[in-house]
Amino acid sequence: MENRQSINRYALSIYDTGKQENKLDDIQKGLESIKSLYKSVKEFKYLLLTKKIDSKNKITILEETLRNYCSGYVIGLMSVIIENGDSKYLISIIERFFIILENESDIVNVKMITSESMSDQDLNSLSQNIEKQLGKKISFKHEQDPQILGGIKLMIGNKVVDGSISYQLKKLKFALEQV
């Protein structure tokens, strides 16, 4: 099987299932958790990619570990991916799912990063303003990152609007190096 076709087939399959069963939100949250685990916990990534553990044991470990964090649909997808030996495509499958989700729905994923925490009232106000500007419903996520020094960094779908101080300083540094 060609990689791109496999990735699309898996992503479309989980999207279609989620849409038919009205479980897209659960699947989205589960896949976000899986992606985060894969990128941040090296043992999780090792479990998925190693050939030293057979597929049946991998699936058992995942079912026991993830059952309280992911829907049965996500665990089922993970099982099929492992059984077919396609674990190396996991992140591509998840990313493709999110592209399909964004293209097929009226919901846009928005992630906002600030250097300091914000009140719930400010976050709600900001998310409502973004919804009004985009003319679509949004799935809003806020993260705090002191390294941006100040300002706001927005990721709207696959676009980035960087109004952070750290970005402005990088631009200034680059401009000064050109002189």
N, C-alpha and C. Protein backbone atom coordinates (compact mmCIF):
# COMPACT_ATOMS: atom_id res chain seq x y z
N MET A 1 0.83 -1.19 0.00
CA MET A 1 0.00 0.00 0.00
C MET A 1 0.86 1.25 0.00
N GLU A 2 0.48 2.19 -0.82
CA GLU A 2 1.21 3.44 -0.83
C GLU A 2 0.90 4.22 0.44
N ASN A 3 1.89 4.90 0.98
CA ASN A 3 1.76 5.61 2.25
C ASN A 3 0.63 6.64 2.23
N ARG A 4 0.60 7.48 1.21
CA ARG A 4 -0.39 8.55 1.15
C ARG A 4 -1.81 7.99 1.11
N GLN A 5 -2.00 6.93 0.34
CA GLN A 5 -3.32 6.31 0.27
C GLN A 5 -3.73 5.71 1.61
N SER A 6 -2.79 5.06 2.28
CA SER A 6 -3.06 4.48 3.60
C SER A 6 -3.43 5.56 4.60
N ILE A 7 -2.66 6.61 4.62
CA ILE A 7 -2.90 7.71 5.54
C ILE A 7 -4.29 8.31 5.31
N ASN A 8 -4.62 8.58 4.05
CA ASN A 8 -5.94 9.12 3.72
C ASN A 8 -7.06 8.16 4.09
N ARG A 9 -6.86 6.88 3.82
CA ARG A 9 -7.88 5.88 4.12
C ARG A 9 -8.16 5.82 5.62
N TYR A 10 -7.12 5.78 6.43
CA TYR A 10 -7.31 5.77 7.88
C TYR A 10 -8.01 7.04 8.36
N ALA A 11 -7.52 8.18 7.91
CA ALA A 11 -8.07 9.46 8.36
C ALA A 11 -9.54 9.61 7.95
N LEU A 12 -9.84 9.26 6.72
CA LEU A 12 -11.23 9.33 6.25
C LEU A 12 -12.13 8.35 7.00
N SER A 13 -11.60 7.19 7.28
CA SER A 13 -12.37 6.17 7.99
C SER A 13 -12.77 6.65 9.38
N ILE A 14 -11.83 7.18 10.13
CA ILE A 14 -12.15 7.65 11.49
C ILE A 14 -13.02 8.90 11.44
N TYR A 15 -12.82 9.74 10.43
CA TYR A 15 -13.67 10.93 10.28
C TYR A 15 -15.10 10.50 9.97
N ASP A 16 -15.27 9.62 8.99
CA ASP A 16 -16.61 9.18 8.61
C ASP A 16 -17.32 8.48 9.77
N THR A 17 -16.60 7.66 10.49
CA THR A 17 -17.19 6.97 11.64
C THR A 17 -17.63 7.99 12.69
N GLY A 18 -16.76 8.94 12.99
CA GLY A 18 -17.10 9.96 13.97
C GLY A 18 -18.30 10.80 13.56
N LYS A 19 -18.38 11.09 12.28
CA LYS A 19 -19.51 11.89 11.78
C LYS A 19 -20.81 11.10 11.86
N GLN A 20 -20.77 9.84 11.44
CA GLN A 20 -21.97 9.00 11.47
C GLN A 20 -22.45 8.75 12.89
N GLU A 21 -21.53 8.58 13.80
CA GLU A 21 -21.89 8.27 15.19
C GLU A 21 -22.00 9.53 16.06
N ASN A 22 -21.80 10.70 15.44
CA ASN A 22 -21.83 11.97 16.15
C ASN A 22 -20.82 12.00 17.31
N LYS A 23 -19.60 11.53 17.02
CA LYS A 23 -18.54 11.43 18.03
C LYS A 23 -17.27 12.16 17.60
N LEU A 24 -17.39 13.10 16.68
CA LEU A 24 -16.19 13.79 16.19
C LEU A 24 -15.44 14.53 17.31
N ASP A 25 -16.18 15.12 18.25
CA ASP A 25 -15.50 15.82 19.35
C ASP A 25 -14.68 14.86 20.19
N ASP A 26 -15.26 13.70 20.53
CA ASP A 26 -14.53 12.69 21.31
C ASP A 26 -13.30 12.20 20.56
N ILE A 27 -13.47 11.96 19.29
CA ILE A 27 -12.34 11.47 18.48
C ILE A 27 -11.27 12.54 18.38
N GLN A 28 -11.67 13.76 18.17
CA GLN A 28 -10.71 14.86 18.08
C GLN A 28 -9.89 14.96 19.37
N LYS A 29 -10.55 14.95 20.50
CA LYS A 29 -9.83 15.05 21.79
C LYS A 29 -8.90 13.86 21.98
N GLY A 30 -9.39 12.66 21.63
CA GLY A 30 -8.56 11.47 21.77
C GLY A 30 -7.32 11.52 20.89
N LEU A 31 -7.50 11.96 19.65
CA LEU A 31 -6.36 12.05 18.74
C LEU A 31 -5.38 13.14 19.16
N GLU A 32 -5.89 14.23 19.72
CA GLU A 32 -4.99 15.26 20.26
C GLU A 32 -4.15 14.68 21.40
N SER A 33 -4.78 13.87 22.25
CA SER A 33 -4.06 13.23 23.36
C SER A 33 -2.99 12.28 22.85
N ILE A 34 -3.36 11.47 21.84
CA ILE A 34 -2.42 10.51 21.26
C ILE A 34 -1.23 11.25 20.66
N LYS A 35 -1.50 12.30 19.92
CA LYS A 35 -0.43 13.08 19.28
C LYS A 35 0.49 13.68 20.33
N SER A 36 -0.09 14.22 21.38
CA SER A 36 0.71 14.80 22.45
C SER A 36 1.58 13.74 23.13
N LEU A 37 0.99 12.58 23.42
CA LEU A 37 1.76 11.48 24.02
C LEU A 37 2.90 11.06 23.11
N TYR A 38 2.60 10.90 21.85
CA TYR A 38 3.60 10.44 20.88
C TYR A 38 4.79 11.39 20.82
N LYS A 39 4.49 12.69 20.88
CA LYS A 39 5.56 13.68 20.76
C LYS A 39 6.30 13.94 22.07
N SER A 40 5.67 13.67 23.20
CA SER A 40 6.29 14.06 24.47
C SER A 40 6.76 12.89 25.34
N VAL A 41 6.22 11.69 25.11
CA VAL A 41 6.59 10.54 25.94
C VAL A 41 7.32 9.52 25.06
N LYS A 42 8.63 9.46 25.21
CA LYS A 42 9.42 8.60 24.33
C LYS A 42 9.07 7.12 24.47
N GLU A 43 8.63 6.70 25.67
CA GLU A 43 8.24 5.30 25.86
C GLU A 43 6.99 4.94 25.05
N PHE A 44 6.08 5.90 24.93
CA PHE A 44 4.87 5.68 24.14
C PHE A 44 5.23 5.50 22.66
N LYS A 45 6.07 6.38 22.18
CA LYS A 45 6.53 6.30 20.79
C LYS A 45 7.27 4.98 20.56
N TYR A 46 8.12 4.61 21.52
CA TYR A 46 8.87 3.35 21.41
C TYR A 46 7.91 2.16 21.35
N LEU A 47 6.90 2.17 22.22
CA LEU A 47 5.92 1.08 22.23
C LEU A 47 5.28 0.90 20.85
N LEU A 48 4.92 2.00 20.23
CA LEU A 48 4.26 1.92 18.93
C LEU A 48 5.20 1.47 17.81
N LEU A 49 6.45 1.89 17.88
CA LEU A 49 7.35 1.65 16.75
C LEU A 49 8.23 0.40 16.89
N THR A 50 8.42 -0.11 18.10
CA THR A 50 9.32 -1.23 18.29
C THR A 50 8.76 -2.52 17.67
N LYS A 51 9.67 -3.35 17.21
CA LYS A 51 9.29 -4.66 16.68
C LYS A 51 9.53 -5.74 17.72
N LYS A 52 10.06 -5.33 18.89
CA LYS A 52 10.34 -6.28 19.96
C LYS A 52 9.08 -6.71 20.71
N ILE A 53 8.02 -5.92 20.59
CA ILE A 53 6.75 -6.25 21.22
C ILE A 53 5.77 -6.59 20.10
N ASP A 54 5.11 -7.75 20.22
CA ASP A 54 4.19 -8.13 19.14
C ASP A 54 2.92 -7.28 19.19
N SER A 55 2.21 -7.27 18.07
CA SER A 55 1.03 -6.42 17.90
C SER A 55 -0.02 -6.66 18.97
N LYS A 56 -0.25 -7.92 19.28
CA LYS A 56 -1.30 -8.26 20.27
C LYS A 56 -0.98 -7.64 21.63
N ASN A 57 0.28 -7.73 22.06
CA ASN A 57 0.66 -7.15 23.35
C ASN A 57 0.62 -5.62 23.31
N LYS A 58 1.00 -5.02 22.18
CA LYS A 58 0.92 -3.57 22.04
C LYS A 58 -0.52 -3.10 22.21
N ILE A 59 -1.42 -3.79 21.55
CA ILE A 59 -2.84 -3.41 21.60
C ILE A 59 -3.38 -3.56 23.02
N THR A 60 -3.01 -4.64 23.69
CA THR A 60 -3.45 -4.84 25.07
C THR A 60 -2.95 -3.72 25.98
N ILE A 61 -1.69 -3.38 25.82
CA ILE A 61 -1.10 -2.30 26.63
C ILE A 61 -1.82 -0.98 26.35
N LEU A 62 -2.05 -0.68 25.09
CA LEU A 62 -2.74 0.56 24.72
C LEU A 62 -4.17 0.61 25.25
N GLU A 63 -4.88 -0.50 25.12
CA GLU A 63 -6.26 -0.55 25.60
C GLU A 63 -6.31 -0.28 27.10
N GLU A 64 -5.41 -0.91 27.85
CA GLU A 64 -5.38 -0.73 29.30
C GLU A 64 -4.97 0.70 29.67
N THR A 65 -4.03 1.23 28.97
CA THR A 65 -3.48 2.55 29.29
C THR A 65 -4.40 3.69 28.87
N LEU A 66 -5.02 3.56 27.71
CA LEU A 66 -5.76 4.69 27.12
C LEU A 66 -7.27 4.66 27.35
N ARG A 67 -7.80 3.60 27.90
CA ARG A 67 -9.26 3.48 27.97
C ARG A 67 -9.94 4.61 28.73
N ASN A 68 -9.24 5.24 29.68
CA ASN A 68 -9.83 6.36 30.42
C ASN A 68 -9.56 7.71 29.77
N TYR A 69 -8.77 7.72 28.69
CA TYR A 69 -8.37 8.98 28.07
C TYR A 69 -8.88 9.15 26.64
N CYS A 70 -9.22 8.06 25.99
CA CYS A 70 -9.62 8.10 24.59
C CYS A 70 -10.90 7.30 24.39
N SER A 71 -11.66 7.69 23.39
CA SER A 71 -12.87 6.95 23.06
C SER A 71 -12.50 5.59 22.45
N GLY A 72 -13.45 4.70 22.47
CA GLY A 72 -13.26 3.39 21.88
C GLY A 72 -12.92 3.47 20.39
N TYR A 73 -13.42 4.51 19.73
CA TYR A 73 -13.14 4.69 18.31
C TYR A 73 -11.65 4.93 18.07
N VAL A 74 -11.05 5.76 18.92
CA VAL A 74 -9.63 6.07 18.77
C VAL A 74 -8.79 4.83 19.10
N ILE A 75 -9.17 4.13 20.14
CA ILE A 75 -8.45 2.91 20.51
C ILE A 75 -8.60 1.86 19.39
N GLY A 76 -9.78 1.78 18.82
CA GLY A 76 -9.99 0.87 17.69
C GLY A 76 -9.12 1.23 16.50
N LEU A 77 -9.02 2.52 16.18
CA LEU A 77 -8.15 2.97 15.10
C LEU A 77 -6.71 2.60 15.39
N MET A 78 -6.28 2.87 16.62
CA MET A 78 -4.90 2.53 17.01
C MET A 78 -4.65 1.03 16.84
N SER A 79 -5.63 0.21 17.21
CA SER A 79 -5.49 -1.24 17.09
C SER A 79 -5.31 -1.66 15.64
N VAL A 80 -6.12 -1.11 14.77
CA VAL A 80 -6.03 -1.44 13.33
C VAL A 80 -4.68 -0.99 12.77
N ILE A 81 -4.25 0.21 13.14
CA ILE A 81 -2.97 0.72 12.66
C ILE A 81 -1.83 -0.20 13.10
N ILE A 82 -1.87 -0.63 14.35
CA ILE A 82 -0.83 -1.52 14.87
C ILE A 82 -0.88 -2.88 14.18
N GLU A 83 -2.08 -3.44 14.06
CA GLU A 83 -2.23 -4.76 13.40
C GLU A 83 -1.70 -4.74 11.97
N ASN A 84 -1.89 -3.62 11.29
CA ASN A 84 -1.46 -3.52 9.89
C ASN A 84 0.01 -3.08 9.76
N GLY A 85 0.66 -2.85 10.89
CA GLY A 85 2.07 -2.45 10.85
C GLY A 85 2.29 -1.03 10.34
N ASP A 86 1.30 -0.17 10.53
CA ASP A 86 1.39 1.20 10.02
C ASP A 86 1.62 2.25 11.11
N SER A 87 2.15 1.84 12.25
CA SER A 87 2.37 2.77 13.37
C SER A 87 3.24 3.95 13.00
N LYS A 88 4.15 3.75 12.07
CA LYS A 88 5.05 4.84 11.67
C LYS A 88 4.32 5.99 10.99
N TYR A 89 3.09 5.76 10.57
CA TYR A 89 2.29 6.79 9.91
C TYR A 89 1.31 7.49 10.86
N LEU A 90 1.37 7.15 12.15
CA LEU A 90 0.38 7.63 13.10
C LEU A 90 0.21 9.14 13.09
N ILE A 91 1.29 9.89 13.20
CA ILE A 91 1.19 11.34 13.26
C ILE A 91 0.64 11.89 11.94
N SER A 92 1.05 11.32 10.83
CA SER A 92 0.52 11.76 9.53
C SER A 92 -0.98 11.48 9.43
N ILE A 93 -1.41 10.36 9.97
CA ILE A 93 -2.85 10.01 9.96
C ILE A 93 -3.62 11.02 10.80
N ILE A 94 -3.11 11.33 11.98
CA ILE A 94 -3.78 12.28 12.86
C ILE A 94 -3.83 13.66 12.22
N GLU A 95 -2.72 14.10 11.65
CA GLU A 95 -2.70 15.41 11.00
C GLU A 95 -3.66 15.46 9.82
N ARG A 96 -3.73 14.38 9.06
CA ARG A 96 -4.66 14.31 7.93
C ARG A 96 -6.11 14.36 8.42
N PHE A 97 -6.39 13.67 9.54
CA PHE A 97 -7.73 13.72 10.14
C PHE A 97 -8.11 15.16 10.44
N PHE A 98 -7.19 15.92 11.05
CA PHE A 98 -7.50 17.30 11.41
C PHE A 98 -7.69 18.18 10.18
N ILE A 99 -6.99 17.91 9.11
CA ILE A 99 -7.20 18.65 7.86
C ILE A 99 -8.58 18.35 7.31
N ILE A 100 -8.96 17.08 7.30
CA ILE A 100 -10.30 16.69 6.83
C ILE A 100 -11.36 17.33 7.71
N LEU A 101 -11.16 17.27 9.02
CA LEU A 101 -12.12 17.84 9.97
C LEU A 101 -12.30 19.34 9.71
N GLU A 102 -11.20 20.03 9.53
CA GLU A 102 -11.27 21.47 9.28
C GLU A 102 -11.96 21.77 7.95
N ASN A 103 -11.65 21.00 6.92
CA ASN A 103 -12.24 21.24 5.60
C ASN A 103 -13.72 20.89 5.56
N GLU A 104 -14.13 19.89 6.30
CA GLU A 104 -15.50 19.40 6.23
C GLU A 104 -16.45 20.07 7.23
N SER A 105 -15.90 20.74 8.21
CA SER A 105 -16.78 21.30 9.23
C SER A 105 -16.76 22.82 9.19
N ASP A 106 -17.69 23.38 9.91
CA ASP A 106 -17.74 24.83 10.03
C ASP A 106 -16.96 25.30 11.26
N ILE A 107 -16.20 24.40 11.84
CA ILE A 107 -15.44 24.72 13.05
C ILE A 107 -13.97 24.88 12.68
N VAL A 108 -13.38 25.98 13.12
CA VAL A 108 -11.97 26.25 12.87
C VAL A 108 -11.22 26.11 14.19
N ASN A 109 -10.10 25.39 14.15
CA ASN A 109 -9.28 25.25 15.35
C ASN A 109 -8.45 26.52 15.52
N VAL A 110 -8.52 27.09 16.73
CA VAL A 110 -7.76 28.29 17.05
C VAL A 110 -6.98 28.01 18.33
N LYS A 111 -5.70 28.24 18.26
CA LYS A 111 -4.84 28.09 19.44
C LYS A 111 -4.19 29.44 19.70
N MET A 112 -4.31 29.90 20.94
CA MET A 112 -3.73 31.18 21.30
C MET A 112 -2.65 30.95 22.36
N ILE A 113 -1.50 31.56 22.14
CA ILE A 113 -0.40 31.45 23.08
C ILE A 113 -0.09 32.84 23.61
N THR A 114 -0.06 32.96 24.93
CA THR A 114 0.29 34.22 25.57
C THR A 114 1.39 33.95 26.60
N SER A 115 2.06 35.01 27.00
CA SER A 115 3.15 34.84 27.97
C SER A 115 2.60 34.67 29.39
N GLU A 116 1.40 35.16 29.64
CA GLU A 116 0.79 35.07 30.96
C GLU A 116 -0.61 34.49 30.84
N SER A 117 -1.12 34.01 31.97
CA SER A 117 -2.47 33.45 31.95
C SER A 117 -3.49 34.58 31.76
N MET A 118 -4.67 34.19 31.29
CA MET A 118 -5.75 35.15 31.07
C MET A 118 -6.98 34.67 31.81
N SER A 119 -7.83 35.59 32.19
CA SER A 119 -9.06 35.23 32.89
C SER A 119 -10.01 34.54 31.92
N ASP A 120 -10.91 33.74 32.46
CA ASP A 120 -11.91 33.07 31.62
C ASP A 120 -12.76 34.08 30.87
N GLN A 121 -13.06 35.20 31.51
CA GLN A 121 -13.86 36.24 30.87
C GLN A 121 -13.14 36.81 29.64
N ASP A 122 -11.84 37.08 29.79
CA ASP A 122 -11.05 37.60 28.66
C ASP A 122 -10.95 36.56 27.54
N LEU A 123 -10.75 35.29 27.92
CA LEU A 123 -10.66 34.22 26.91
C LEU A 123 -11.97 34.08 26.16
N ASN A 124 -13.10 34.12 26.87
CA ASN A 124 -14.41 34.02 26.22
C ASN A 124 -14.66 35.19 25.28
N SER A 125 -14.31 36.38 25.74
CA SER A 125 -14.49 37.57 24.92
C SER A 125 -13.65 37.48 23.64
N LEU A 126 -12.40 37.07 23.81
CA LEU A 126 -11.51 36.94 22.66
C LEU A 126 -12.00 35.87 21.68
N SER A 127 -12.45 34.73 22.21
CA SER A 127 -12.93 33.67 21.31
C SER A 127 -14.19 34.12 20.57
N GLN A 128 -15.06 34.88 21.23
CA GLN A 128 -16.26 35.39 20.55
C GLN A 128 -15.89 36.38 19.45
N ASN A 129 -14.90 37.22 19.70
CA ASN A 129 -14.44 38.17 18.68
C ASN A 129 -13.84 37.44 17.48
N ILE A 130 -13.07 36.39 17.75
CA ILE A 130 -12.47 35.63 16.66
C ILE A 130 -13.55 34.93 15.84
N GLU A 131 -14.55 34.35 16.52
CA GLU A 131 -15.67 33.72 15.82
C GLU A 131 -16.38 34.73 14.92
N LYS A 132 -16.59 35.92 15.44
CA LYS A 132 -17.28 36.96 14.66
C LYS A 132 -16.46 37.34 13.43
N GLN A 133 -15.14 37.51 13.60
CA GLN A 133 -14.27 37.88 12.50
C GLN A 133 -14.21 36.79 11.42
N LEU A 134 -14.16 35.53 11.86
CA LEU A 134 -14.05 34.43 10.90
C LEU A 134 -15.39 34.03 10.30
N GLY A 135 -16.47 34.34 11.00
CA GLY A 135 -17.79 33.94 10.53
C GLY A 135 -18.02 32.44 10.67
N LYS A 136 -17.27 31.79 11.54
CA LYS A 136 -17.39 30.35 11.79
C LYS A 136 -17.24 30.09 13.28
N LYS A 137 -17.75 28.95 13.70
CA LYS A 137 -17.52 28.52 15.08
C LYS A 137 -16.07 28.09 15.20
N ILE A 138 -15.53 28.26 16.40
CA ILE A 138 -14.13 27.88 16.61
C ILE A 138 -14.01 26.89 17.76
N SER A 139 -12.96 26.10 17.68
CA SER A 139 -12.53 25.25 18.79
C SER A 139 -11.31 25.97 19.35
N PHE A 140 -11.46 26.52 20.55
CA PHE A 140 -10.47 27.46 21.10
C PHE A 140 -9.63 26.78 22.17
N LYS A 141 -8.32 26.94 22.04
CA LYS A 141 -7.39 26.41 23.03
C LYS A 141 -6.39 27.50 23.39
N HIS A 142 -6.14 27.66 24.69
CA HIS A 142 -5.19 28.67 25.17
C HIS A 142 -4.02 27.97 25.85
N GLU A 143 -2.81 28.45 25.52
CA GLU A 143 -1.61 27.95 26.16
C GLU A 143 -0.79 29.13 26.65
N GLN A 144 -0.05 28.88 27.71
CA GLN A 144 0.82 29.90 28.26
C GLN A 144 2.26 29.52 27.99
N ASP A 145 3.03 30.47 27.45
CA ASP A 145 4.44 30.24 27.15
C ASP A 145 5.22 31.51 27.46
N PRO A 146 5.92 31.53 28.60
CA PRO A 146 6.64 32.74 28.99
C PRO A 146 7.76 33.12 28.00
N GLN A 147 8.17 32.20 27.14
CA GLN A 147 9.25 32.48 26.19
C GLN A 147 8.85 33.47 25.10
N ILE A 148 7.55 33.70 24.91
CA ILE A 148 7.16 34.69 23.88
C ILE A 148 7.26 36.11 24.42
N LEU A 149 7.54 36.25 25.72
CA LEU A 149 7.81 37.51 26.41
C LEU A 149 6.59 38.42 26.56
N GLY A 150 5.71 38.46 25.62
CA GLY A 150 4.51 39.29 25.67
C GLY A 150 3.80 39.23 24.34
N GLY A 151 2.64 39.82 24.28
CA GLY A 151 1.87 39.79 23.04
C GLY A 151 1.10 38.49 22.91
N ILE A 152 0.64 38.23 21.70
CA ILE A 152 -0.18 37.05 21.43
C ILE A 152 0.30 36.38 20.15
N LYS A 153 0.28 35.06 20.17
CA LYS A 153 0.54 34.27 18.98
C LYS A 153 -0.72 33.45 18.72
N LEU A 154 -1.32 33.60 17.56
CA LEU A 154 -2.54 32.88 17.19
C LEU A 154 -2.25 31.88 16.08
N MET A 155 -2.78 30.69 16.22
CA MET A 155 -2.74 29.70 15.16
C MET A 155 -4.19 29.43 14.79
N ILE A 156 -4.57 29.90 13.62
CA ILE A 156 -5.95 29.77 13.14
C ILE A 156 -5.93 28.80 11.98
N GLY A 157 -6.44 27.59 12.23
CA GLY A 157 -6.33 26.54 11.22
C GLY A 157 -4.87 26.26 10.98
N ASN A 158 -4.42 26.43 9.76
CA ASN A 158 -3.00 26.20 9.46
C ASN A 158 -2.24 27.51 9.24
N LYS A 159 -2.83 28.62 9.68
CA LYS A 159 -2.18 29.92 9.55
C LYS A 159 -1.72 30.41 10.92
N VAL A 160 -0.59 31.12 10.94
CA VAL A 160 -0.03 31.64 12.18
C VAL A 160 0.02 33.16 12.10
N VAL A 161 -0.51 33.81 13.13
CA VAL A 161 -0.41 35.25 13.27
C VAL A 161 0.40 35.49 14.54
N ASP A 162 1.63 35.95 14.36
CA ASP A 162 2.54 36.07 15.48
C ASP A 162 2.73 37.54 15.85
N GLY A 163 2.10 37.94 16.93
CA GLY A 163 2.26 39.29 17.45
C GLY A 163 3.03 39.29 18.76
N SER A 164 3.86 38.27 18.94
CA SER A 164 4.62 38.16 20.19
C SER A 164 5.84 39.08 20.17
N ILE A 165 6.26 39.45 21.34
CA ILE A 165 7.45 40.31 21.46
C ILE A 165 8.69 39.55 21.00
N SER A 166 8.75 38.24 21.31
CA SER A 166 9.93 37.47 20.89
C SER A 166 10.06 37.47 19.37
N TYR A 167 8.93 37.38 18.65
CA TYR A 167 8.97 37.41 17.18
C TYR A 167 9.41 38.78 16.68
N GLN A 168 8.90 39.84 17.32
CA GLN A 168 9.29 41.19 16.92
C GLN A 168 10.79 41.41 17.13
N LEU A 169 11.32 40.86 18.23
CA LEU A 169 12.76 40.98 18.50
C LEU A 169 13.58 40.21 17.46
N LYS A 170 13.09 39.03 17.07
CA LYS A 170 13.78 38.25 16.04
C LYS A 170 13.81 39.02 14.71
N LYS A 171 12.69 39.64 14.36
CA LYS A 171 12.65 40.44 13.13
C LYS A 171 13.61 41.61 13.20
N LEU A 172 13.66 42.27 14.36
CA LEU A 172 14.56 43.39 14.55
C LEU A 172 16.02 42.94 14.45
N LYS A 173 16.33 41.83 15.07
CA LYS A 173 17.70 41.27 15.01
C LYS A 173 18.09 40.98 13.56
N PHE A 174 17.18 40.37 12.82
CA PHE A 174 17.46 40.05 11.43
C PHE A 174 17.70 41.32 10.62
N ALA A 175 16.87 42.33 10.86
CA ALA A 175 17.01 43.60 10.13
C ALA A 175 18.36 44.25 10.44
N LEU A 176 18.76 44.20 11.71
CA LEU A 176 20.03 44.82 12.10
C LEU A 176 21.22 44.05 11.52
N GLU A 177 21.09 42.74 11.40
CA GLU A 177 22.17 41.94 10.80
C GLU A 177 22.33 42.22 9.32
N GLN A 178 21.29 42.68 8.67
CA GLN A 178 21.32 42.97 7.24
C GLN A 178 22.01 44.30 6.94
N VAL A 179 22.13 45.16 7.97
CA VAL A 179 22.73 46.50 7.77
C VAL A 179 24.23 46.40 7.70
